[in-house]
Protein backbone atom coordinates (compact mmCIF):
# COMPACT_ATOMS: atom_id res chain seq x y z
CA MET A 1 0.06 0.31 -0.43
CA ALA A 2 1.44 3.63 -1.25
CA ARG A 3 1.58 6.22 1.33
CA PHE A 4 0.15 9.16 0.68
CA ILE A 5 0.89 13.03 1.76
CA ILE A 6 -2.71 14.13 1.33
CA SER A 7 -4.81 12.01 2.72
CA LEU A 8 -7.71 9.47 0.71
CA SER A 9 -10.08 11.04 2.21
CA ALA A 10 -9.81 14.07 2.06
CA MET A 11 -9.49 13.53 -1.47
CA GLU A 12 -13.34 11.40 -0.78
CA LYS A 13 -13.61 14.82 1.21
CA LEU A 14 -13.40 17.15 -1.98
CA LEU A 15 -14.81 14.76 -4.30
CA LYS A 16 -18.01 15.10 -2.14
CA LYS A 17 -17.78 18.87 -1.96
CA CYS A 18 -18.05 18.17 -5.43
CA GLY A 19 -21.26 16.94 -6.30
CA ALA A 20 -19.66 13.03 -6.24
CA PRO A 21 -22.56 11.11 -4.33
CA ARG A 22 -19.76 7.61 -3.87
CA VAL A 23 -16.03 7.47 -4.22
CA SER A 24 -13.82 4.64 -4.92
CA GLU A 25 -10.53 3.68 -3.55
CA ASN A 26 -8.87 3.46 -6.85
CA ALA A 27 -10.76 7.49 -8.25
CA LYS A 28 -9.48 8.81 -4.39
CA GLN A 29 -6.22 7.12 -5.09
CA ALA A 30 -5.55 8.75 -8.56
CA LEU A 31 -6.94 12.01 -7.12
CA SER A 32 -3.86 12.29 -4.99
CA GLU A 33 -0.93 10.75 -7.23
CA ALA A 34 -2.32 13.72 -9.60
CA LEU A 35 -2.34 16.64 -6.92
CA GLU A 36 1.12 15.23 -5.69
CA GLU A 37 2.38 15.43 -8.85
CA LEU A 38 0.85 19.05 -9.41
CA GLY A 39 2.23 19.95 -6.29
CA LYS A 40 5.49 19.44 -7.38
CA LYS A 41 5.56 20.68 -10.33
CA ILE A 42 3.96 23.90 -9.12
CA GLY A 43 6.64 23.65 -5.76
CA GLU A 44 9.77 23.50 -7.88
CA ARG A 45 8.74 26.55 -10.06
CA SER A 46 7.80 28.40 -6.65
CA ILE A 47 11.65 27.74 -5.87
CA ASN A 48 12.55 29.06 -8.14
CA PHE A 49 10.89 32.72 -8.30
CA ALA A 50 11.56 32.98 -5.34
CA ASN A 51 15.17 31.91 -6.27
CA HIS A 52 15.14 34.48 -9.37
CA SER A 53 14.02 37.12 -6.46
CA GLY A 54 17.16 36.58 -4.32
CA ARG A 55 15.00 35.12 -1.40
CA LYS A 56 15.31 31.90 0.49
CA THR A 57 11.41 31.88 1.79
CA ILE A 58 8.49 30.61 -0.49
CA LYS A 59 5.67 33.29 -0.35
CA ALA A 60 1.50 32.53 -1.27
CA LYS A 61 3.19 35.34 -4.32
CA ASP A 62 5.96 32.56 -5.91
CA ILE A 63 2.68 29.35 -5.71
CA LYS A 64 0.80 31.88 -7.46
CA LEU A 65 2.84 32.82 -10.09
CA ALA A 66 3.84 29.28 -10.38
CA LEU A 67 -0.04 27.48 -10.62
CA LYS A 68 -1.02 30.90 -13.23
CA GLU A 69 2.62 29.68 -15.49
CA SER A 70 1.00 26.14 -14.85
CA ASN A 71 -2.10 27.46 -16.94
CA ILE A 72 -4.19 25.51 -14.38
């Protein structure tokens, strides 16, 4: 069994909030994997933006800029 950074119960809550009446274990796992991969990409880009600005601290504006750059 794989360990997820983002809990499967959180994935179920998110999908139910979007209107899903029922959520399979496979769906929860797939969403968790997808969001973790997206999070890693956004995190890497955010680090690059902070470094480019001469900072070690990641700020909300770095995350927002990275997300905007991802076209999501």
